[in-house]
Every structure is written in C-alpha cells, then in structure tokens.
N, C-alpha and C. Protein backbone atom coordinates (compact mmCIF):
# COMPACT_ATOMS: atom_id res chain seq x y z
N UNK A 1 -16.80 -10.93 -16.25
CA UNK A 1 -15.65 -11.67 -15.74
C UNK A 1 -14.42 -10.78 -15.88
N UNK A 2 -13.70 -10.64 -14.78
CA UNK A 2 -12.50 -9.81 -14.79
C UNK A 2 -11.31 -10.61 -14.31
N UNK A 3 -10.20 -10.49 -15.00
CA UNK A 3 -8.98 -11.17 -14.59
C UNK A 3 -8.00 -10.24 -13.90
N UNK A 4 -8.36 -8.96 -13.72
CA UNK A 4 -7.41 -8.05 -13.12
C UNK A 4 -7.98 -7.00 -12.19
N UNK A 5 -9.29 -6.99 -11.98
CA UNK A 5 -9.90 -5.98 -11.12
C UNK A 5 -9.75 -6.40 -9.66
N UNK A 6 -8.98 -5.63 -8.89
CA UNK A 6 -8.71 -5.99 -7.50
C UNK A 6 -9.35 -5.04 -6.50
N UNK A 7 -10.08 -4.06 -6.96
CA UNK A 7 -10.72 -3.08 -6.07
C UNK A 7 -11.66 -3.79 -5.10
N UNK A 8 -11.48 -3.59 -3.80
CA UNK A 8 -12.32 -4.27 -2.80
C UNK A 8 -13.81 -3.95 -2.92
N UNK A 9 -14.15 -2.78 -3.46
CA UNK A 9 -15.57 -2.43 -3.58
C UNK A 9 -16.31 -3.36 -4.54
N UNK A 10 -15.60 -4.03 -5.43
CA UNK A 10 -16.24 -4.96 -6.35
C UNK A 10 -16.74 -6.23 -5.65
N UNK A 11 -16.36 -6.41 -4.39
CA UNK A 11 -16.85 -7.56 -3.62
C UNK A 11 -18.28 -7.35 -3.12
N UNK A 12 -18.79 -6.14 -3.25
CA UNK A 12 -20.15 -5.82 -2.82
C UNK A 12 -21.14 -6.42 -3.81
N UNK A 13 -21.79 -7.51 -3.42
CA UNK A 13 -22.70 -8.24 -4.31
C UNK A 13 -24.00 -7.49 -4.58
N UNK A 14 -24.36 -6.54 -3.72
CA UNK A 14 -25.55 -5.73 -3.97
C UNK A 14 -25.27 -4.74 -5.09
N UNK A 15 -24.13 -4.06 -4.99
CA UNK A 15 -23.77 -3.07 -6.00
C UNK A 15 -23.30 -3.69 -7.31
N UNK A 16 -22.63 -4.84 -7.21
CA UNK A 16 -22.05 -5.49 -8.39
C UNK A 16 -22.44 -6.97 -8.43
N UNK A 17 -23.72 -7.28 -8.65
CA UNK A 17 -24.17 -8.67 -8.57
C UNK A 17 -23.62 -9.57 -9.68
N UNK A 18 -23.18 -8.99 -10.79
CA UNK A 18 -22.74 -9.81 -11.92
C UNK A 18 -21.24 -9.78 -12.16
N UNK A 19 -20.49 -9.21 -11.25
CA UNK A 19 -19.03 -9.17 -11.40
C UNK A 19 -18.44 -10.44 -10.83
N UNK A 20 -17.60 -11.09 -11.61
CA UNK A 20 -16.86 -12.27 -11.16
C UNK A 20 -15.38 -12.00 -11.42
N UNK A 21 -14.58 -12.17 -10.38
CA UNK A 21 -13.14 -11.93 -10.51
C UNK A 21 -12.39 -13.25 -10.47
N UNK A 22 -11.32 -13.29 -11.20
CA UNK A 22 -10.45 -14.46 -11.16
C UNK A 22 -9.21 -14.21 -10.31
N UNK A 23 -9.14 -13.03 -9.70
CA UNK A 23 -8.06 -12.69 -8.77
C UNK A 23 -8.67 -12.21 -7.47
N UNK A 24 -7.90 -12.29 -6.41
CA UNK A 24 -8.39 -11.81 -5.11
C UNK A 24 -8.38 -10.29 -5.07
N UNK A 25 -9.13 -9.75 -4.12
CA UNK A 25 -9.16 -8.29 -3.97
C UNK A 25 -7.89 -7.83 -3.26
N UNK A 26 -7.62 -6.54 -3.35
CA UNK A 26 -6.48 -5.97 -2.64
C UNK A 26 -6.59 -6.19 -1.14
N UNK A 27 -7.81 -6.23 -0.65
CA UNK A 27 -8.02 -6.40 0.79
C UNK A 27 -7.40 -7.71 1.28
N UNK A 28 -7.59 -8.78 0.54
CA UNK A 28 -7.02 -10.08 0.92
C UNK A 28 -5.49 -10.02 0.92
N UNK A 29 -4.93 -9.30 -0.02
CA UNK A 29 -3.48 -9.16 -0.09
C UNK A 29 -2.93 -8.47 1.16
N UNK A 30 -3.60 -7.41 1.60
CA UNK A 30 -3.12 -6.68 2.77
C UNK A 30 -3.35 -7.43 4.07
N UNK A 31 -4.40 -8.23 4.13
CA UNK A 31 -4.60 -9.09 5.31
C UNK A 31 -3.41 -10.05 5.43
N UNK A 32 -3.06 -10.70 4.33
CA UNK A 32 -1.94 -11.65 4.33
C UNK A 32 -0.62 -10.95 4.64
N UNK A 33 -0.40 -9.79 4.06
CA UNK A 33 0.84 -9.04 4.29
C UNK A 33 0.99 -8.69 5.77
N UNK A 34 -0.08 -8.25 6.40
CA UNK A 34 -0.02 -7.86 7.81
C UNK A 34 0.25 -9.07 8.71
N UNK A 35 -0.32 -10.19 8.36
CA UNK A 35 -0.06 -11.41 9.13
C UNK A 35 1.41 -11.84 8.98
N UNK A 36 1.95 -11.66 7.79
CA UNK A 36 3.36 -11.98 7.55
C UNK A 36 4.27 -11.06 8.36
N UNK A 37 3.96 -9.77 8.38
CA UNK A 37 4.74 -8.81 9.17
C UNK A 37 4.72 -9.20 10.64
N UNK A 38 3.55 -9.55 11.14
CA UNK A 38 3.43 -9.93 12.55
C UNK A 38 4.21 -11.21 12.83
N UNK A 39 4.14 -12.18 11.92
CA UNK A 39 4.84 -13.45 12.09
C UNK A 39 6.35 -13.22 12.28
N UNK A 40 6.93 -12.32 11.49
CA UNK A 40 8.36 -12.06 11.57
C UNK A 40 8.73 -11.03 12.64
N UNK A 41 7.74 -10.51 13.34
CA UNK A 41 8.01 -9.55 14.40
C UNK A 41 8.35 -8.16 13.92
N UNK A 42 7.97 -7.84 12.70
CA UNK A 42 8.22 -6.51 12.15
C UNK A 42 7.06 -5.62 12.55
N UNK A 43 7.20 -4.90 13.65
CA UNK A 43 6.08 -4.14 14.17
C UNK A 43 6.28 -2.62 14.09
N UNK A 44 7.26 -2.18 13.34
CA UNK A 44 7.55 -0.75 13.17
C UNK A 44 7.88 -0.54 11.71
N UNK A 45 6.94 -0.05 10.92
CA UNK A 45 7.12 0.01 9.47
C UNK A 45 6.87 1.42 8.95
N UNK A 46 7.31 1.64 7.73
CA UNK A 46 7.02 2.88 7.02
C UNK A 46 6.18 2.57 5.80
N UNK A 47 5.44 3.55 5.34
CA UNK A 47 4.58 3.37 4.17
C UNK A 47 4.88 4.46 3.16
N UNK A 48 5.06 4.05 1.91
CA UNK A 48 5.14 4.98 0.79
C UNK A 48 3.83 4.82 0.03
N UNK A 49 3.13 5.93 -0.12
CA UNK A 49 1.84 5.92 -0.79
C UNK A 49 1.93 6.78 -2.03
N UNK A 50 1.55 6.25 -3.17
CA UNK A 50 1.50 7.07 -4.36
C UNK A 50 0.30 8.00 -4.25
N UNK A 51 0.48 9.23 -4.67
CA UNK A 51 -0.54 10.27 -4.51
C UNK A 51 -1.59 10.16 -5.61
N UNK A 52 -2.37 9.08 -5.53
CA UNK A 52 -3.48 8.87 -6.46
C UNK A 52 -4.57 8.09 -5.73
N UNK A 53 -5.67 7.83 -6.41
CA UNK A 53 -6.79 7.15 -5.77
C UNK A 53 -6.42 5.76 -5.28
N UNK A 54 -5.71 5.00 -6.11
CA UNK A 54 -5.33 3.64 -5.73
C UNK A 54 -4.40 3.67 -4.52
N UNK A 55 -3.45 4.58 -4.51
CA UNK A 55 -2.55 4.71 -3.37
C UNK A 55 -3.30 5.04 -2.09
N UNK A 56 -4.26 5.95 -2.19
CA UNK A 56 -5.06 6.33 -1.02
C UNK A 56 -5.88 5.14 -0.53
N UNK A 57 -6.56 4.48 -1.45
CA UNK A 57 -7.41 3.35 -1.07
C UNK A 57 -6.59 2.21 -0.45
N UNK A 58 -5.47 1.88 -1.07
CA UNK A 58 -4.62 0.82 -0.54
C UNK A 58 -4.03 1.20 0.81
N UNK A 59 -3.68 2.47 0.98
CA UNK A 59 -3.16 2.93 2.27
C UNK A 59 -4.20 2.73 3.36
N UNK A 60 -5.44 3.08 3.09
CA UNK A 60 -6.51 2.92 4.08
C UNK A 60 -6.68 1.46 4.47
N UNK A 61 -6.65 0.57 3.49
CA UNK A 61 -6.76 -0.87 3.78
C UNK A 61 -5.58 -1.35 4.62
N UNK A 62 -4.39 -0.96 4.22
CA UNK A 62 -3.19 -1.41 4.92
C UNK A 62 -3.19 -0.95 6.37
N UNK A 63 -3.48 0.31 6.61
CA UNK A 63 -3.48 0.84 7.98
C UNK A 63 -4.53 0.13 8.83
N UNK A 64 -5.66 -0.17 8.25
CA UNK A 64 -6.72 -0.89 8.96
C UNK A 64 -6.21 -2.25 9.47
N UNK A 65 -5.56 -3.01 8.61
CA UNK A 65 -5.10 -4.34 9.00
C UNK A 65 -3.82 -4.31 9.82
N UNK A 66 -2.97 -3.30 9.62
CA UNK A 66 -1.80 -3.15 10.49
C UNK A 66 -2.25 -2.92 11.92
N UNK A 67 -3.25 -2.08 12.09
CA UNK A 67 -3.78 -1.78 13.41
C UNK A 67 -4.31 -3.03 14.09
N UNK A 68 -5.01 -3.85 13.34
CA UNK A 68 -5.57 -5.09 13.90
C UNK A 68 -4.48 -6.04 14.38
N UNK A 69 -3.32 -5.98 13.74
CA UNK A 69 -2.21 -6.87 14.10
C UNK A 69 -1.27 -6.23 15.12
N UNK A 70 -1.55 -5.00 15.53
CA UNK A 70 -0.71 -4.32 16.52
C UNK A 70 0.60 -3.80 15.95
N UNK A 71 0.63 -3.52 14.66
CA UNK A 71 1.83 -3.03 13.99
C UNK A 71 1.72 -1.51 13.86
N UNK A 72 2.80 -0.81 14.22
CA UNK A 72 2.81 0.65 14.23
C UNK A 72 3.41 1.20 12.94
N UNK A 73 2.87 2.33 12.51
CA UNK A 73 3.37 3.01 11.31
C UNK A 73 4.23 4.19 11.75
N UNK A 74 5.51 4.14 11.40
CA UNK A 74 6.45 5.21 11.76
C UNK A 74 6.21 6.45 10.91
N UNK A 75 5.92 6.25 9.64
CA UNK A 75 5.66 7.37 8.74
C UNK A 75 4.86 6.90 7.54
N UNK A 76 4.16 7.84 6.94
CA UNK A 76 3.52 7.64 5.64
C UNK A 76 3.96 8.80 4.76
N UNK A 77 4.50 8.47 3.62
CA UNK A 77 4.97 9.48 2.68
C UNK A 77 4.20 9.34 1.38
N UNK A 78 3.65 10.46 0.90
CA UNK A 78 2.96 10.47 -0.39
C UNK A 78 3.93 10.92 -1.47
N UNK A 79 4.13 10.07 -2.46
CA UNK A 79 5.01 10.42 -3.57
C UNK A 79 4.19 10.87 -4.76
N UNK A 80 4.71 11.83 -5.48
CA UNK A 80 4.06 12.34 -6.69
C UNK A 80 4.93 11.97 -7.89
N UNK A 81 4.50 12.40 -9.05
CA UNK A 81 5.31 12.17 -10.26
C UNK A 81 6.33 13.28 -10.48
N UNK A 82 6.41 14.22 -9.55
CA UNK A 82 7.35 15.34 -9.65
C UNK A 82 8.60 15.06 -8.82
N UNK A 83 9.74 14.78 -9.47
CA UNK A 83 10.96 14.44 -8.73
C UNK A 83 11.38 15.48 -7.70
N UNK A 84 11.22 16.78 -8.00
CA UNK A 84 11.63 17.83 -7.06
C UNK A 84 10.84 17.75 -5.77
N UNK A 85 9.56 17.40 -5.86
CA UNK A 85 8.73 17.28 -4.66
C UNK A 85 9.13 16.06 -3.83
N UNK A 86 9.65 15.04 -4.48
CA UNK A 86 9.97 13.79 -3.80
C UNK A 86 11.34 13.78 -3.13
N UNK A 87 12.24 14.67 -3.53
CA UNK A 87 13.61 14.66 -2.99
C UNK A 87 13.65 14.75 -1.46
N UNK A 88 12.95 15.69 -0.83
CA UNK A 88 12.99 15.74 0.65
C UNK A 88 12.39 14.48 1.28
N UNK A 89 11.42 13.92 0.61
CA UNK A 89 10.78 12.71 1.12
C UNK A 89 11.74 11.53 1.07
N UNK A 90 12.57 11.48 0.03
CA UNK A 90 13.56 10.42 -0.08
C UNK A 90 14.57 10.50 1.06
N UNK A 91 14.94 11.70 1.44
CA UNK A 91 15.87 11.86 2.57
C UNK A 91 15.25 11.35 3.86
N UNK A 92 13.97 11.62 4.06
CA UNK A 92 13.27 11.12 5.24
C UNK A 92 13.24 9.60 5.27
N UNK A 93 13.03 8.99 4.12
CA UNK A 93 13.02 7.53 4.02
C UNK A 93 14.38 6.97 4.41
N UNK A 94 15.45 7.57 3.88
CA UNK A 94 16.80 7.09 4.17
C UNK A 94 17.17 7.22 5.65
N UNK A 95 16.66 8.26 6.32
CA UNK A 95 16.98 8.49 7.73
C UNK A 95 16.11 7.67 8.67
N UNK A 96 15.11 7.03 8.15
CA UNK A 96 14.16 6.29 8.99
C UNK A 96 14.82 5.11 9.69
N UNK A 97 14.33 4.80 10.88
CA UNK A 97 14.85 3.66 11.63
C UNK A 97 14.05 2.38 11.37
N UNK A 98 13.09 2.44 10.47
CA UNK A 98 12.29 1.25 10.17
C UNK A 98 13.09 0.29 9.30
N UNK A 99 12.81 -0.99 9.48
CA UNK A 99 13.44 -2.01 8.63
C UNK A 99 12.57 -2.35 7.43
N UNK A 100 11.29 -2.07 7.53
CA UNK A 100 10.33 -2.44 6.49
C UNK A 100 9.64 -1.20 5.97
N UNK A 101 9.61 -1.06 4.65
CA UNK A 101 8.86 0.01 4.01
C UNK A 101 7.95 -0.65 2.97
N UNK A 102 6.67 -0.33 3.05
CA UNK A 102 5.67 -0.91 2.16
C UNK A 102 5.22 0.17 1.18
N UNK A 103 5.12 -0.20 -0.09
CA UNK A 103 4.67 0.73 -1.12
C UNK A 103 3.22 0.43 -1.44
N UNK A 104 2.36 1.46 -1.33
CA UNK A 104 0.93 1.33 -1.59
C UNK A 104 0.57 2.05 -2.87
N UNK A 105 -0.15 1.37 -3.74
CA UNK A 105 -0.67 2.00 -4.94
C UNK A 105 -0.06 1.43 -6.19
N UNK A 106 -0.57 1.89 -7.29
CA UNK A 106 -0.17 1.40 -8.60
C UNK A 106 1.16 2.01 -9.03
N UNK A 107 1.35 3.26 -8.76
CA UNK A 107 2.62 3.89 -9.07
C UNK A 107 2.72 4.43 -10.47
N UNK A 108 2.08 3.80 -11.42
CA UNK A 108 2.08 4.29 -12.79
C UNK A 108 3.47 4.54 -13.32
N UNK A 109 3.82 5.80 -13.48
CA UNK A 109 5.10 6.18 -14.09
C UNK A 109 6.27 6.08 -13.13
N UNK A 110 5.99 5.93 -11.83
CA UNK A 110 7.09 5.86 -10.87
C UNK A 110 7.65 4.45 -10.81
N UNK A 111 8.94 4.35 -10.69
CA UNK A 111 9.58 3.05 -10.55
C UNK A 111 10.42 3.04 -9.29
N UNK A 112 10.81 1.86 -8.86
CA UNK A 112 11.66 1.79 -7.67
C UNK A 112 12.99 2.50 -7.92
N UNK A 113 13.45 2.49 -9.15
CA UNK A 113 14.68 3.20 -9.48
C UNK A 113 14.51 4.70 -9.24
N UNK A 114 13.37 5.24 -9.63
CA UNK A 114 13.11 6.67 -9.45
C UNK A 114 12.96 7.01 -7.97
N UNK A 115 12.49 6.07 -7.18
CA UNK A 115 12.29 6.31 -5.76
C UNK A 115 13.60 6.49 -5.01
N UNK A 116 14.59 5.69 -5.37
CA UNK A 116 15.78 5.61 -4.54
C UNK A 116 17.05 6.09 -5.21
N UNK A 117 16.96 6.82 -6.29
CA UNK A 117 18.16 7.40 -6.91
C UNK A 117 18.71 8.51 -6.06
C-alpha cells in the first residue's frame, strides 16, 4: 500500500499485481490539467521541465495529452540545479508570448523563487 507513489507504470497490474495506491497516478493529473487548459481556451503554452527522470516522464505524459486536446507547446525548457545554466533559459521564459507555463517534475532543490529571480 502506497500513499505517495504516483508513477503511471505502477498501474500495470501484470508487473505490479500487489501494489495499491491511495493517490491517483500522474497520468490522471495531466489528463485533468489538459482538459482544464482546453476549457479556458489556453492553447499556446510553455513547459518547464526539470532535468531528471521525473521531469522527463511527466513531460512525455503532458505532451501526449496536450496533443490530444489540440494544445500547442511554444517551448520546452529543461532546468538544472546549476543557476548559471538556467540564466539564459530564464530570459527565454520572460520573453515568451505564452500566458501559461507548466512545470513538469519534482524539482527537488529548485524552487519557484530560484526560477524567477
């Protein structure tokens, strides 16, 4: 029994027949998020992806469901834990014409404060 495992692969009953989750998978979260974006007419978005496994996996799920809803991705930016590497990426985010930016991944040591200073 898990109260915090959200990895979509755990839904595979053949591979994980004895896993029971008390929370939904990340996949369900992104399905709902994409429907919400479509409902409000937000069809031009940006994605910030943390440069780790969770960020990659969540990005793949998000892009899959954005595509199904007809929502276009203006940019995807991978952020690292190195501030010097992220500075040019922050400028790109600020210059973007998108109204919505979605953050994918756990982020670990990164905070929203570190993203936008």
